[in-house]
PDB file of N, CA and C in Angstrom:
ATOM      1  N   UNK A   1      72.065  56.278 -32.300  1.00  0.00           N
ATOM      2  CA  UNK A   1      73.377  55.941 -31.608  1.00  0.00           C
ATOM      3  C   UNK A   1      72.867  55.574 -30.195  1.00  0.00           C
ATOM      4  N   UNK A   2      71.955  56.256 -29.370  1.00  0.00           N
ATOM      5  CA  UNK A   2      71.732  56.009 -28.049  1.00  0.00           C
ATOM      6  C   UNK A   2      70.938  54.747 -27.976  1.00  0.00           C
ATOM      7  N   UNK A   3      70.298  54.372 -28.970  1.00  0.00           N
ATOM      8  CA  UNK A   3      69.428  53.121 -29.171  1.00  0.00           C
ATOM      9  C   UNK A   3      70.634  52.003 -29.232  1.00  0.00           C
ATOM     10  N   UNK A   4      71.513  52.125 -29.880  1.00  0.00           N
ATOM     11  CA  UNK A   4      72.627  50.937 -30.107  1.00  0.00           C
ATOM     12  C   UNK A   4      73.238  50.865 -28.645  1.00  0.00           C
ATOM     13  N   UNK A   5      73.716  52.231 -27.991  1.00  0.00           N
ATOM     14  CA  UNK A   5      74.280  51.963 -26.717  1.00  0.00           C
ATOM     15  C   UNK A   5      73.604  51.404 -25.820  1.00  0.00           C
ATOM     16  N   UNK A   6      72.165  51.761 -25.738  1.00  0.00           N
ATOM     17  CA  UNK A   6      71.368  51.054 -24.719  1.00  0.00           C
ATOM     18  C   UNK A   6      71.037  49.681 -25.003  1.00  0.00           C
ATOM     19  N   UNK A   7      71.054  49.177 -26.203  1.00  0.00           N
ATOM     20  CA  UNK A   7      70.912  47.708 -26.325  1.00  0.00           C
ATOM     21  C   UNK A   7      72.126  47.100 -26.029  1.00  0.00           C
ATOM     22  N   UNK A   8      73.380  47.551 -26.197  1.00  0.00           N
ATOM     23  CA  UNK A   8      74.558  46.930 -25.982  1.00  0.00           C
ATOM     24  C   UNK A   8      74.479  46.904 -24.484  1.00  0.00           C
ATOM     25  N   UNK A   9      74.549  47.885 -23.766  1.00  0.00           N
ATOM     26  CA  UNK A   9      74.591  47.879 -22.244  1.00  0.00           C
ATOM     27  C   UNK A   9      73.327  46.857 -21.573  1.00  0.00           C
ATOM     28  N   UNK A  10      72.326  46.936 -22.116  1.00  0.00           N
ATOM     29  CA  UNK A  10      71.199  45.990 -21.748  1.00  0.00           C
ATOM     30  C   UNK A  10      71.901  44.579 -21.738  1.00  0.00           C
ATOM     31  N   UNK A  11      72.335  44.228 -22.916  1.00  0.00           N
ATOM     32  CA  UNK A  11      72.696  42.850 -23.073  1.00  0.00           C
ATOM     33  C   UNK A  11      73.862  42.444 -22.129  1.00  0.00           C
ATOM     34  N   UNK A  12      74.634  43.434 -22.050  1.00  0.00           N
ATOM     35  CA  UNK A  12      75.882  43.207 -20.863  1.00  0.00           C
ATOM     36  C   UNK A  12      75.273  42.946 -19.489  1.00  0.00           C
ATOM     37  N   UNK A  13      74.361  43.671 -19.038  1.00  0.00           N
ATOM     38  CA  UNK A  13      73.777  43.615 -17.925  1.00  0.00           C
ATOM     39  C   UNK A  13      72.875  42.486 -17.842  1.00  0.00           C
ATOM     40  N   UNK A  14      72.159  41.982 -18.877  1.00  0.00           N
ATOM     41  CA  UNK A  14      71.232  40.793 -18.972  1.00  0.00           C
ATOM     42  C   UNK A  14      72.397  39.470 -18.508  1.00  0.00           C
ATOM     43  N   UNK A  15      73.518  39.554 -19.104  1.00  0.00           N
ATOM     44  CA  UNK A  15      74.349  38.252 -19.150  1.00  0.00           C
ATOM     45  C   UNK A  15      74.728  38.320 -17.630  1.00  0.00           C
ATOM     46  N   UNK A  16      74.886  39.228 -16.742  1.00  0.00           N
ATOM     47  CA  UNK A  16      75.123  39.436 -15.304  1.00  0.00           C
ATOM     48  C   UNK A  16      74.107  39.215 -14.424  1.00  0.00           C
ATOM     49  N   UNK A  17      72.837  39.263 -14.654  1.00  0.00           N
ATOM     50  CA  UNK A  17      71.487  38.774 -13.871  1.00  0.00           C
ATOM     51  C   UNK A  17      71.649  37.536 -13.493  1.00  0.00           C
ATOM     52  N   UNK A  18      71.195  37.136 -12.388  1.00  0.00           N
ATOM     53  CA  UNK A  18      71.113  35.718 -11.958  1.00  0.00           C
ATOM     54  C   UNK A  18      72.334  35.170 -11.381  1.00  0.00           C
ATOM     55  N   UNK A  19      73.514  35.824 -11.448  1.00  0.00           N
ATOM     56  CA  UNK A  19      74.602  35.330 -10.772  1.00  0.00           C
ATOM     57  C   UNK A  19      74.507  35.714  -9.436  1.00  0.00           C
ATOM     58  N   UNK A  20      74.833  34.769  -8.537  1.00  0.00           N
ATOM     59  CA  UNK A  20      74.847  34.987  -7.132  1.00  0.00           C
ATOM     60  C   UNK A  20      76.101  35.960  -6.740  1.00  0.00           C
ATOM     61  N   UNK A  21      76.954  35.743  -7.381  1.00  0.00           N
ATOM     62  CA  UNK A  21      78.358  36.324  -6.721  1.00  0.00           C
ATOM     63  C   UNK A  21      79.121  36.577  -8.219  1.00  0.00           C
ATOM     64  N   UNK A  22      79.547  37.915  -8.538  1.00  0.00           N
ATOM     65  CA  UNK A  22      80.274  38.041  -9.564  1.00  0.00           C
ATOM     66  C   UNK A  22      81.657  37.856  -9.478  1.00  0.00           C
ATOM     67  N   UNK A  23      82.624  36.990 -10.150  1.00  0.00           N
ATOM     68  CA  UNK A  23      83.918  36.744 -10.330  1.00  0.00           C
ATOM     69  C   UNK A  23      84.694  37.968 -10.941  1.00  0.00           C
ATOM     70  N   UNK A  24      86.135  37.870 -10.742  1.00  0.00           N
ATOM     71  CA  UNK A  24      86.853  39.172 -11.264  1.00  0.00           C
ATOM     72  C   UNK A  24      86.793  38.881 -12.876  1.00  0.00           C
ATOM     73  N   UNK A  25      86.577  37.703 -13.193  1.00  0.00           N
ATOM     74  CA  UNK A  25      86.538  37.466 -14.857  1.00  0.00           C
ATOM     75  C   UNK A  25      85.023  37.898 -15.198  1.00  0.00           C
ATOM     76  N   UNK A  26      84.039  37.900 -14.569  1.00  0.00           N
ATOM     77  CA  UNK A  26      82.627  38.418 -14.854  1.00  0.00           C
ATOM     78  C   UNK A  26      82.799  39.881 -14.993  1.00  0.00           C
ATOM     79  N   UNK A  27      83.730  40.521 -14.029  1.00  0.00           N
ATOM     80  CA  UNK A  27      83.561  41.970 -13.966  1.00  0.00           C
ATOM     81  C   UNK A  27      84.277  42.470 -15.039  1.00  0.00           C
ATOM     82  N   UNK A  28      85.569  41.741 -15.524  1.00  0.00           N
ATOM     83  CA  UNK A  28      86.604  42.348 -16.504  1.00  0.00           C
ATOM     84  C   UNK A  28      85.769  42.104 -17.758  1.00  0.00           C
ATOM     85  N   UNK A  29      85.054  41.143 -17.946  1.00  0.00           N
ATOM     86  CA  UNK A  29      84.326  40.816 -19.038  1.00  0.00           C
ATOM     87  C   UNK A  29      83.332  41.820 -19.488  1.00  0.00           C
ATOM     88  N   UNK A  30      82.530  42.132 -18.443  1.00  0.00           N
ATOM     89  CA  UNK A  30      81.334  43.200 -18.547  1.00  0.00           C
ATOM     90  C   UNK A  30      81.995  44.402 -18.780  1.00  0.00           C
ATOM     91  N   UNK A  31      83.081  44.793 -18.049  1.00  0.00           N
ATOM     92  CA  UNK A  31      83.947  46.020 -18.240  1.00  0.00           C
ATOM     93  C   UNK A  31      84.211  46.315 -19.697  1.00  0.00           C
ATOM     94  N   UNK A  32      84.828  45.355 -20.231  1.00  0.00           N
ATOM     95  CA  UNK A  32      85.174  45.383 -21.601  1.00  0.00           C
ATOM     96  C   UNK A  32      84.129  45.540 -22.453  1.00  0.00           C
ATOM     97  N   UNK A  33      83.040  44.990 -22.405  1.00  0.00           N
ATOM     98  CA  UNK A  33      81.879  45.031 -23.253  1.00  0.00           C
ATOM     99  C   UNK A  33      81.218  46.698 -23.016  1.00  0.00           C
ATOM    100  N   UNK A  34      81.241  47.143 -21.746  1.00  0.00           N
ATOM    101  CA  UNK A  34      80.734  48.399 -21.736  1.00  0.00           C
ATOM    102  C   UNK A  34      81.944  49.468 -22.154  1.00  0.00           C
ATOM    103  N   UNK A  35      83.045  49.279 -22.128  1.00  0.00           N
ATOM    104  CA  UNK A  35      83.962  49.861 -22.658  1.00  0.00           C
ATOM    105  C   UNK A  35      84.136  50.032 -24.162  1.00  0.00           C
ATOM    106  N   UNK A  36      83.829  48.930 -24.880  1.00  0.00           N
ATOM    107  CA  UNK A  36      83.474  49.021 -26.301  1.00  0.00           C
ATOM    108  C   UNK A  36      82.404  49.714 -26.675  1.00  0.00           C
ATOM    109  N   UNK A  37      81.258  49.268 -26.068  1.00  0.00           N
ATOM    110  CA  UNK A  37      80.034  50.412 -26.231  1.00  0.00           C
ATOM    111  C   UNK A  37      80.077  51.628 -26.147  1.00  0.00           C
ATOM    112  N   UNK A  38      80.788  52.082 -25.166  1.00  0.00           N
ATOM    113  CA  UNK A  38      80.941  53.538 -24.995  1.00  0.00           C
ATOM    114  C   UNK A  38      81.688  54.216 -26.044  1.00  0.00           C
ATOM    115  N   UNK A  39      82.922  53.446 -26.351  1.00  0.00           N
ATOM    116  CA  UNK A  39      83.832  54.087 -27.301  1.00  0.00           C
ATOM    117  C   UNK A  39      83.029  53.975 -28.632  1.00  0.00           C
ATOM    118  N   UNK A  40      82.321  53.039 -29.122  1.00  0.00           N
ATOM    119  CA  UNK A  40      81.827  53.089 -30.354  1.00  0.00           C
ATOM    120  C   UNK A  40      80.692  54.125 -30.396  1.00  0.00           C
ATOM    121  N   UNK A  41      80.253  54.661 -29.133  1.00  0.00           N
ATOM    122  CA  UNK A  41      79.123  55.913 -29.217  1.00  0.00           C
ATOM    123  C   UNK A  41      79.692  57.001 -28.938  1.00  0.00           C
ATOM    124  N   UNK A  42      81.168  57.289 -29.371  1.00  0.00           N
ATOM    125  CA  UNK A  42      81.990  57.991 -29.485  1.00  0.00           C
ATOM    126  C   UNK A  42      82.142  58.991 -28.007  1.00  0.00           C
ATOM    127  N   UNK A  43      82.133  58.278 -26.965  1.00  0.00           N
ATOM    128  CA  UNK A  43      82.459  58.898 -25.589  1.00  0.00           C
ATOM    129  C   UNK A  43      83.835  58.816 -25.636  1.00  0.00           C
ATOM    130  N   UNK A  44      84.348  60.325 -24.995  1.00  0.00           N
ATOM    131  CA  UNK A  44      85.933  60.403 -25.081  1.00  0.00           C
ATOM    132  C   UNK A  44      86.646  59.407 -24.077  1.00  0.00           C
ATOM    133  N   UNK A  45      87.797  58.917 -24.537  1.00  0.00           N
ATOM    134  CA  UNK A  45      88.430  57.968 -24.009  1.00  0.00           C
ATOM    135  C   UNK A  45      88.921  58.334 -22.470  1.00  0.00           C
ATOM    136  N   UNK A  46      89.129  59.302 -22.171  1.00  0.00           N
ATOM    137  CA  UNK A  46      89.382  59.820 -20.663  1.00  0.00           C
ATOM    138  C   UNK A  46      88.191  59.427 -19.712  1.00  0.00           C
ATOM    139  N   UNK A  47      86.890  59.754 -20.524  1.00  0.00           N
ATOM    140  CA  UNK A  47      85.624  59.618 -19.683  1.00  0.00           C
ATOM    141  C   UNK A  47      85.392  58.012 -19.495  1.00  0.00           C
ATOM    142  N   UNK A  48      85.679  57.432 -20.735  1.00  0.00           N
ATOM    143  CA  UNK A  48      85.541  55.867 -20.353  1.00  0.00           C
ATOM    144  C   UNK A  48      86.410  55.097 -19.480  1.00  0.00           C
ATOM    145  N   UNK A  49      87.796  55.750 -19.717  1.00  0.00           N
ATOM    146  CA  UNK A  49      88.671  55.233 -18.399  1.00  0.00           C
ATOM    147  C   UNK A  49      88.385  55.259 -16.955  1.00  0.00           C
ATOM    148  N   UNK A  50      87.909  56.530 -16.758  1.00  0.00           N
ATOM    149  CA  UNK A  50      87.503  57.002 -15.397  1.00  0.00           C
ATOM    150  C   UNK A  50      85.979  56.284 -15.033  1.00  0.00           C
ATOM    151  N   UNK A  51      85.162  56.007 -15.964  1.00  0.00           N
ATOM    152  CA  UNK A  51      83.881  55.490 -15.649  1.00  0.00           C
ATOM    153  C   UNK A  51      84.320  53.837 -15.524  1.00  0.00           C
ATOM    154  N   UNK A  52      85.049  53.317 -16.234  1.00  0.00           N
ATOM    155  CA  UNK A  52      85.298  51.878 -16.222  1.00  0.00           C
ATOM    156  C   UNK A  52      85.999  51.629 -14.882  1.00  0.00           C
ATOM    157  N   UNK A  53      87.036  52.471 -14.601  1.00  0.00           N
ATOM    158  CA  UNK A  53      87.801  52.393 -13.257  1.00  0.00           C
ATOM    159  C   UNK A  53      86.749  52.202 -12.050  1.00  0.00           C
ATOM    160  N   UNK A  54      85.806  53.470 -12.046  1.00  0.00           N
ATOM    161  CA  UNK A  54      84.633  53.674 -11.048  1.00  0.00           C
ATOM    162  C   UNK A  54      83.857  52.260 -10.912  1.00  0.00           C
ATOM    163  N   UNK A  55      83.581  51.703 -12.162  1.00  0.00           N
ATOM    164  CA  UNK A  55      82.806  50.423 -12.005  1.00  0.00           C
ATOM    165  C   UNK A  55      83.513  49.338 -11.334  1.00  0.00           C
ATOM    166  N   UNK A  56      84.718  49.036 -11.677  1.00  0.00           N
ATOM    167  CA  UNK A  56      85.489  47.993 -11.165  1.00  0.00           C
ATOM    168  C   UNK A  56      85.505  48.347  -9.803  1.00  0.00           C
ATOM    169  N   UNK A  57      85.829  49.364  -9.273  1.00  0.00           N
ATOM    170  CA  UNK A  57      85.932  49.602  -7.736  1.00  0.00           C
ATOM    171  C   UNK A  57      84.836  49.267  -7.066  1.00  0.00           C
ATOM    172  N   UNK A  58      83.693  49.828  -7.468  1.00  0.00           N
ATOM    173  CA  UNK A  58      82.516  49.578  -6.917  1.00  0.00           C
ATOM    174  C   UNK A  58      81.959  48.203  -7.168  1.00  0.00           C
ATOM    175  N   UNK A  59      82.099  47.548  -8.105  1.00  0.00           N
ATOM    176  CA  UNK A  59      81.599  46.119  -8.465  1.00  0.00           C
ATOM    177  C   UNK A  59      82.480  45.183  -7.481  1.00  0.00           C
ATOM    178  N   UNK A  60      83.556  45.706  -7.195  1.00  0.00           N
ATOM    179  CA  UNK A  60      84.684  44.778  -6.339  1.00  0.00           C
ATOM    180  C   UNK A  60      84.312  44.592  -5.017  1.00  0.00           C
ATOM    181  N   UNK A  61      83.911  46.065  -4.532  1.00  0.00           N
ATOM    182  CA  UNK A  61      83.253  46.131  -3.195  1.00  0.00           C
ATOM    183  C   UNK A  61      84.386  45.657  -2.176  1.00  0.00           C
ATOM    184  N   UNK A  62      83.871  45.876  -0.728  1.00  0.00           N
ATOM    185  CA  UNK A  62      85.009  45.302   0.233  1.00  0.00           C
ATOM    186  C   UNK A  62      84.777  43.964   0.158  1.00  0.00           C
ATOM    187  N   UNK A  63      85.978  43.354   0.466  1.00  0.00           N
ATOM    188  CA  UNK A  63      86.035  41.850   0.483  1.00  0.00           C
ATOM    189  C   UNK A  63      86.111  41.365   1.848  1.00  0.00           C
ATOM    190  N   UNK A  64      85.326  40.549   2.418  1.00  0.00           N
ATOM    191  CA  UNK A  64      85.289  40.103   3.742  1.00  0.00           C
ATOM    192  C   UNK A  64      86.442  38.929   4.026  1.00  0.00           C
ATOM    193  N   UNK A  65      87.237  39.128   5.001  1.00  0.00           N
ATOM    194  CA  UNK A  65      88.265  38.077   5.183  1.00  0.00           C
ATOM    195  C   UNK A  65      87.761  36.678   5.448  1.00  0.00           C
ATOM    196  N   UNK A  66      88.336  35.828   4.746  1.00  0.00           N
ATOM    197  CA  UNK A  66      87.975  34.276   4.978  1.00  0.00           C
ATOM    198  C   UNK A  66      88.569  33.710   6.207  1.00  0.00           C
ATOM    199  N   UNK A  67      87.666  32.980   7.194  1.00  0.00           N
ATOM    200  CA  UNK A  67      88.000  32.402   8.187  1.00  0.00           C
ATOM    201  C   UNK A  67      88.601  31.113   8.052  1.00  0.00           C
TER     202      UNK A  67
END
């Protein structure tokens, strides 16, 4: 079970590497893949929701205003 979870998470992060800046679409896509991997690994739904919420908050980060 952990090997499959590890493989899926590694593949998700590999797709994000090399991008200079992540778009909202990139973040949403990665969050979806992470959510599916965690649920398939039998992680409780409330834990998955909280984790994904935290990941999205942290990955978005503070936005600098455009001048």
